[in-house]
Amino acid sequence: MQISQLLLATVTGLVTSTSALGINCRGSGLCSGSHVLSELNTKVQALPDSNTYANGVHIACVGHICAFLQNISGTKTGAEVKQYVQNLLNHGCTTCGSDPTEPGNNVNDGELIVNYVTSP
């Protein structure tokens, strides 16, 4: 009985920590390169603040590493996207990562992702 309760608590903890994942530098195993995010940031910073971006739109790419939004409702502006990419750099990310777009630091509520894509 105690083992099954411990197992349930462990599984519940893993699910909770995964769903509450906040800003992070995770990405595909194909994320490589030490200055890719800096190069991507240069491209993003050149975009007009008033542009709007919806889920899945490749905002900017360096090779196969692209920035895009996921799980958002509506759109985000260029000004917001610039801050999300800067947040990843400030967090210490160098190639890939995710930054929550909504209060609560939960990427399931919306996120900017920088990750490897097959078709940039």
N, C-alpha and C. Protein backbone atom coordinates (compact mmCIF):
# COMPACT_ATOMS: atom_id res chain seq x y z
N MET A 1 0.82 -1.19 0.00
CA MET A 1 0.00 0.00 0.00
C MET A 1 0.86 1.25 0.00
N GLN A 2 1.90 1.28 0.86
CA GLN A 2 2.76 2.45 0.93
C GLN A 2 3.53 2.66 -0.36
N ILE A 3 3.94 1.56 -0.99
CA ILE A 3 4.68 1.67 -2.26
C ILE A 3 3.78 2.27 -3.33
N SER A 4 2.53 1.84 -3.42
CA SER A 4 1.64 2.40 -4.44
C SER A 4 1.35 3.87 -4.17
N GLN A 5 1.24 4.27 -2.90
CA GLN A 5 1.03 5.68 -2.58
C GLN A 5 2.26 6.51 -2.95
N LEU A 6 3.44 5.95 -2.69
CA LEU A 6 4.68 6.64 -3.05
C LEU A 6 4.79 6.78 -4.56
N LEU A 7 4.47 5.71 -5.28
CA LEU A 7 4.51 5.75 -6.74
C LEU A 7 3.53 6.79 -7.28
N LEU A 8 2.33 6.83 -6.74
CA LEU A 8 1.33 7.80 -7.17
C LEU A 8 1.82 9.22 -6.90
N ALA A 9 2.40 9.46 -5.74
CA ALA A 9 2.92 10.79 -5.40
C ALA A 9 4.06 11.18 -6.34
N THR A 10 4.91 10.23 -6.69
CA THR A 10 6.02 10.51 -7.59
C THR A 10 5.52 10.85 -8.99
N VAL A 11 4.59 10.05 -9.51
CA VAL A 11 4.03 10.30 -10.84
C VAL A 11 3.30 11.64 -10.86
N THR A 12 2.52 11.92 -9.84
CA THR A 12 1.80 13.19 -9.76
C THR A 12 2.79 14.35 -9.74
N GLY A 13 3.86 14.21 -8.99
CA GLY A 13 4.88 15.26 -8.93
C GLY A 13 5.54 15.49 -10.27
N LEU A 14 5.81 14.40 -11.00
CA LEU A 14 6.42 14.55 -12.33
C LEU A 14 5.48 15.25 -13.29
N VAL A 15 4.22 14.88 -13.29
CA VAL A 15 3.24 15.50 -14.18
C VAL A 15 3.10 16.97 -13.83
N THR A 16 3.03 17.29 -12.56
CA THR A 16 2.88 18.68 -12.13
C THR A 16 4.10 19.50 -12.53
N SER A 17 5.31 18.96 -12.32
CA SER A 17 6.50 19.73 -12.65
C SER A 17 6.66 19.90 -14.15
N THR A 18 6.23 18.91 -14.94
CA THR A 18 6.30 19.04 -16.38
C THR A 18 5.31 20.08 -16.89
N SER A 19 4.09 20.06 -16.39
CA SER A 19 3.09 20.99 -16.88
C SER A 19 3.36 22.41 -16.41
N ALA A 20 4.11 22.57 -15.33
CA ALA A 20 4.38 23.91 -14.81
C ALA A 20 5.75 24.42 -15.27
N LEU A 21 6.32 23.77 -16.26
CA LEU A 21 7.64 24.16 -16.75
C LEU A 21 7.63 25.62 -17.17
N GLY A 22 8.49 26.42 -16.60
CA GLY A 22 8.56 27.84 -16.93
C GLY A 22 9.63 28.10 -17.96
N ILE A 23 10.21 29.28 -17.91
CA ILE A 23 11.27 29.63 -18.85
C ILE A 23 12.37 28.60 -18.76
N ASN A 24 12.85 28.15 -19.91
CA ASN A 24 13.83 27.07 -19.93
C ASN A 24 14.63 27.11 -21.22
N CYS A 25 15.72 26.38 -21.23
CA CYS A 25 16.60 26.30 -22.40
C CYS A 25 16.52 24.93 -23.07
N ARG A 26 15.40 24.28 -22.95
CA ARG A 26 15.21 22.96 -23.55
C ARG A 26 14.84 23.09 -25.02
N GLY A 27 15.11 22.02 -25.74
CA GLY A 27 14.75 21.98 -27.15
C GLY A 27 15.10 20.64 -27.73
N SER A 28 15.02 20.53 -29.02
CA SER A 28 15.34 19.31 -29.74
C SER A 28 16.80 18.92 -29.50
N GLY A 29 17.07 17.65 -29.65
CA GLY A 29 18.45 17.18 -29.61
C GLY A 29 19.26 17.74 -30.77
N LEU A 30 18.58 18.31 -31.75
CA LEU A 30 19.25 18.90 -32.91
C LEU A 30 19.60 20.37 -32.69
N CYS A 31 19.31 20.91 -31.51
CA CYS A 31 19.70 22.28 -31.19
C CYS A 31 21.20 22.29 -30.94
N SER A 32 21.92 22.96 -31.81
CA SER A 32 23.37 23.03 -31.63
C SER A 32 23.86 24.40 -32.08
N GLY A 33 25.03 24.74 -31.62
CA GLY A 33 25.60 26.04 -31.92
C GLY A 33 25.58 26.91 -30.69
N SER A 34 26.62 27.70 -30.51
CA SER A 34 26.73 28.46 -29.27
C SER A 34 26.20 29.88 -29.36
N HIS A 35 26.03 30.41 -30.56
CA HIS A 35 25.59 31.80 -30.68
C HIS A 35 24.32 31.94 -31.52
N VAL A 36 23.62 30.85 -31.74
CA VAL A 36 22.44 30.86 -32.60
C VAL A 36 21.36 31.79 -32.05
N LEU A 37 21.10 31.74 -30.74
CA LEU A 37 20.06 32.58 -30.16
C LEU A 37 20.42 34.06 -30.28
N SER A 38 21.69 34.39 -30.15
CA SER A 38 22.11 35.79 -30.33
C SER A 38 21.87 36.25 -31.76
N GLU A 39 22.18 35.39 -32.73
CA GLU A 39 21.92 35.72 -34.14
C GLU A 39 20.43 35.87 -34.39
N LEU A 40 19.64 34.98 -33.82
CA LEU A 40 18.19 35.05 -33.98
C LEU A 40 17.66 36.33 -33.34
N ASN A 41 18.20 36.70 -32.20
CA ASN A 41 17.78 37.93 -31.52
C ASN A 41 18.05 39.15 -32.39
N THR A 42 19.16 39.18 -33.09
CA THR A 42 19.46 40.29 -33.99
C THR A 42 18.37 40.43 -35.05
N LYS A 43 17.93 39.30 -35.61
CA LYS A 43 16.85 39.33 -36.60
C LYS A 43 15.53 39.79 -35.98
N VAL A 44 15.22 39.28 -34.80
CA VAL A 44 13.96 39.63 -34.13
C VAL A 44 13.94 41.11 -33.77
N GLN A 45 15.04 41.63 -33.27
CA GLN A 45 15.09 43.04 -32.86
C GLN A 45 14.88 43.99 -34.04
N ALA A 46 15.14 43.51 -35.26
CA ALA A 46 14.94 44.34 -36.46
C ALA A 46 13.49 44.36 -36.93
N LEU A 47 12.64 43.52 -36.37
CA LEU A 47 11.23 43.47 -36.78
C LEU A 47 10.46 44.66 -36.21
N PRO A 48 9.46 45.14 -36.94
CA PRO A 48 8.63 46.24 -36.42
C PRO A 48 7.89 45.81 -35.15
N ASP A 49 7.85 46.70 -34.16
CA ASP A 49 7.15 46.43 -32.91
C ASP A 49 5.67 46.15 -33.14
N SER A 50 5.10 46.73 -34.18
CA SER A 50 3.65 46.61 -34.41
C SER A 50 3.24 45.35 -35.18
N ASN A 51 4.21 44.60 -35.73
CA ASN A 51 3.84 43.34 -36.39
C ASN A 51 3.13 42.44 -35.39
N THR A 52 2.23 41.59 -35.88
CA THR A 52 1.57 40.63 -35.01
C THR A 52 1.85 39.21 -35.50
N TYR A 53 1.92 38.29 -34.54
CA TYR A 53 2.28 36.91 -34.84
C TYR A 53 1.31 35.97 -34.13
N ALA A 54 0.88 34.94 -34.85
CA ALA A 54 -0.05 33.94 -34.31
C ALA A 54 0.70 32.63 -34.05
N ASN A 55 0.01 31.66 -33.49
CA ASN A 55 0.58 30.34 -33.23
C ASN A 55 1.21 29.74 -34.48
N GLY A 56 2.40 29.20 -34.32
CA GLY A 56 3.03 28.43 -35.38
C GLY A 56 3.74 29.19 -36.46
N VAL A 57 3.58 30.51 -36.53
CA VAL A 57 4.24 31.31 -37.56
C VAL A 57 5.73 31.41 -37.23
N HIS A 58 6.59 31.09 -38.19
CA HIS A 58 8.02 31.25 -37.97
C HIS A 58 8.34 32.74 -38.01
N ILE A 59 8.69 33.27 -36.87
CA ILE A 59 8.93 34.71 -36.73
C ILE A 59 10.28 35.08 -37.30
N ALA A 60 11.29 34.29 -37.00
CA ALA A 60 12.64 34.48 -37.52
C ALA A 60 13.37 33.15 -37.38
N CYS A 61 14.31 32.91 -38.29
CA CYS A 61 15.07 31.65 -38.27
C CYS A 61 16.54 31.92 -38.53
N VAL A 62 17.38 31.08 -37.95
CA VAL A 62 18.80 31.01 -38.26
C VAL A 62 19.03 29.54 -38.60
N GLY A 63 19.22 29.26 -39.89
CA GLY A 63 19.27 27.87 -40.32
C GLY A 63 17.94 27.20 -40.01
N HIS A 64 18.00 26.10 -39.28
CA HIS A 64 16.78 25.37 -38.91
C HIS A 64 16.28 25.71 -37.51
N ILE A 65 16.89 26.68 -36.86
CA ILE A 65 16.44 27.11 -35.53
C ILE A 65 15.52 28.31 -35.73
N CYS A 66 14.26 28.16 -35.32
CA CYS A 66 13.26 29.22 -35.54
C CYS A 66 12.56 29.60 -34.24
N ALA A 67 12.10 30.84 -34.20
CA ALA A 67 11.27 31.34 -33.10
C ALA A 67 9.82 31.31 -33.57
N PHE A 68 8.94 30.79 -32.71
CA PHE A 68 7.51 30.76 -33.02
C PHE A 68 6.72 30.71 -31.72
N LEU A 69 5.44 31.03 -31.82
CA LEU A 69 4.55 31.03 -30.66
C LEU A 69 3.72 29.75 -30.64
N GLN A 70 3.35 29.32 -29.44
CA GLN A 70 2.53 28.12 -29.30
C GLN A 70 1.60 28.29 -28.10
N ASN A 71 0.41 27.76 -28.21
CA ASN A 71 -0.59 27.77 -27.13
C ASN A 71 -1.08 29.16 -26.75
N ILE A 72 -0.89 30.15 -27.61
CA ILE A 72 -1.38 31.50 -27.27
C ILE A 72 -2.80 31.66 -27.79
N SER A 73 -3.54 32.55 -27.16
CA SER A 73 -4.85 32.91 -27.70
C SER A 73 -4.67 34.26 -28.38
N GLY A 74 -5.08 34.35 -29.62
CA GLY A 74 -4.91 35.60 -30.37
C GLY A 74 -3.52 35.72 -30.95
N THR A 75 -2.94 36.89 -30.83
CA THR A 75 -1.62 37.16 -31.39
C THR A 75 -0.75 37.89 -30.37
N LYS A 76 0.53 37.96 -30.67
CA LYS A 76 1.49 38.75 -29.88
C LYS A 76 2.16 39.73 -30.83
N THR A 77 2.58 40.87 -30.30
CA THR A 77 3.22 41.90 -31.12
C THR A 77 4.72 41.65 -31.25
N GLY A 78 5.30 42.33 -32.22
CA GLY A 78 6.75 42.29 -32.37
C GLY A 78 7.46 42.74 -31.11
N ALA A 79 6.93 43.77 -30.45
CA ALA A 79 7.53 44.26 -29.21
C ALA A 79 7.53 43.17 -28.14
N GLU A 80 6.44 42.42 -28.03
CA GLU A 80 6.37 41.34 -27.05
C GLU A 80 7.35 40.22 -27.40
N VAL A 81 7.41 39.85 -28.68
CA VAL A 81 8.31 38.80 -29.13
C VAL A 81 9.76 39.18 -28.83
N LYS A 82 10.11 40.42 -29.05
CA LYS A 82 11.48 40.89 -28.75
C LYS A 82 11.82 40.65 -27.29
N GLN A 83 10.88 40.93 -26.40
CA GLN A 83 11.13 40.73 -24.97
C GLN A 83 11.26 39.25 -24.62
N TYR A 84 10.44 38.40 -25.23
CA TYR A 84 10.51 36.96 -24.94
C TYR A 84 11.87 36.39 -25.35
N VAL A 85 12.37 36.79 -26.52
CA VAL A 85 13.68 36.30 -26.96
C VAL A 85 14.77 36.84 -26.04
N GLN A 86 14.67 38.09 -25.66
CA GLN A 86 15.65 38.66 -24.73
C GLN A 86 15.61 37.93 -23.39
N ASN A 87 14.42 37.55 -22.94
CA ASN A 87 14.30 36.79 -21.69
C ASN A 87 15.07 35.48 -21.76
N LEU A 88 15.02 34.80 -22.92
CA LEU A 88 15.77 33.55 -23.09
C LEU A 88 17.27 33.80 -22.99
N LEU A 89 17.74 34.87 -23.63
CA LEU A 89 19.16 35.22 -23.52
C LEU A 89 19.53 35.53 -22.08
N ASN A 90 18.70 36.29 -21.40
CA ASN A 90 18.96 36.65 -20.00
C ASN A 90 18.96 35.41 -19.10
N HIS A 91 18.21 34.40 -19.50
CA HIS A 91 18.13 33.15 -18.72
C HIS A 91 19.37 32.28 -18.94
N GLY A 92 20.18 32.63 -19.94
CA GLY A 92 21.39 31.87 -20.22
C GLY A 92 21.28 30.92 -21.39
N CYS A 93 20.18 30.95 -22.11
CA CYS A 93 20.01 30.08 -23.28
C CYS A 93 20.93 30.54 -24.40
N THR A 94 21.46 29.59 -25.16
CA THR A 94 22.35 29.93 -26.28
C THR A 94 21.82 29.48 -27.63
N THR A 95 20.93 28.49 -27.65
CA THR A 95 20.40 28.00 -28.92
C THR A 95 18.88 27.87 -28.89
N CYS A 96 18.35 27.04 -28.02
CA CYS A 96 16.91 26.78 -27.98
C CYS A 96 16.35 27.09 -26.60
N GLY A 97 15.02 27.20 -26.53
CA GLY A 97 14.36 27.42 -25.25
C GLY A 97 12.93 27.86 -25.42
N SER A 98 12.25 28.05 -24.29
CA SER A 98 10.85 28.49 -24.27
C SER A 98 10.66 29.53 -23.18
N ASP A 99 9.85 30.55 -23.49
CA ASP A 99 9.53 31.59 -22.51
C ASP A 99 8.02 31.72 -22.43
N PRO A 100 7.43 31.54 -21.24
CA PRO A 100 5.98 31.70 -21.09
C PRO A 100 5.55 33.11 -21.48
N THR A 101 4.40 33.19 -22.13
CA THR A 101 3.89 34.50 -22.57
C THR A 101 2.84 35.07 -21.63
N GLU A 102 2.40 34.27 -20.66
CA GLU A 102 1.34 34.71 -19.75
C GLU A 102 1.83 34.65 -18.31
N PRO A 103 1.23 35.42 -17.43
CA PRO A 103 1.59 35.36 -16.00
C PRO A 103 1.43 33.94 -15.46
N GLY A 104 2.26 33.58 -14.52
CA GLY A 104 2.21 32.25 -13.92
C GLY A 104 3.36 31.37 -14.34
N ASN A 105 4.17 31.82 -15.32
CA ASN A 105 5.37 31.11 -15.74
C ASN A 105 5.09 29.68 -16.20
N ASN A 106 3.93 29.46 -16.82
CA ASN A 106 3.55 28.13 -17.29
C ASN A 106 3.45 28.15 -18.81
N VAL A 107 4.35 27.41 -19.47
CA VAL A 107 4.38 27.40 -20.93
C VAL A 107 3.11 26.81 -21.54
N ASN A 108 2.33 26.06 -20.77
CA ASN A 108 1.07 25.52 -21.30
C ASN A 108 0.03 26.60 -21.52
N ASP A 109 0.22 27.77 -20.93
CA ASP A 109 -0.71 28.89 -21.11
C ASP A 109 -0.31 29.79 -22.28
N GLY A 110 0.77 29.46 -22.95
CA GLY A 110 1.29 30.23 -24.08
C GLY A 110 2.78 30.38 -23.93
N GLU A 111 3.49 30.28 -25.05
CA GLU A 111 4.95 30.39 -24.98
C GLU A 111 5.53 30.82 -26.31
N LEU A 112 6.68 31.47 -26.22
CA LEU A 112 7.53 31.67 -27.38
C LEU A 112 8.55 30.54 -27.32
N ILE A 113 8.70 29.85 -28.42
CA ILE A 113 9.63 28.73 -28.50
C ILE A 113 10.71 29.07 -29.52
N VAL A 114 11.94 28.74 -29.19
CA VAL A 114 13.03 28.75 -30.15
C VAL A 114 13.50 27.31 -30.21
N ASN A 115 13.37 26.69 -31.39
CA ASN A 115 13.66 25.27 -31.50
C ASN A 115 13.99 24.90 -32.93
N TYR A 116 14.53 23.70 -33.11
CA TYR A 116 14.83 23.16 -34.43
C TYR A 116 13.53 22.84 -35.15
N VAL A 117 13.45 23.22 -36.42
CA VAL A 117 12.31 22.88 -37.27
C VAL A 117 12.83 22.23 -38.55
N THR A 118 12.05 21.35 -39.14
CA THR A 118 12.50 20.68 -40.36
C THR A 118 12.36 21.57 -41.59
N SER A 119 11.38 22.47 -41.58
CA SER A 119 11.16 23.36 -42.72
C SER A 119 11.12 24.81 -42.26
N PRO A 120 12.29 25.46 -42.25
CA PRO A 120 12.32 26.86 -41.78
C PRO A 120 11.61 27.81 -42.74
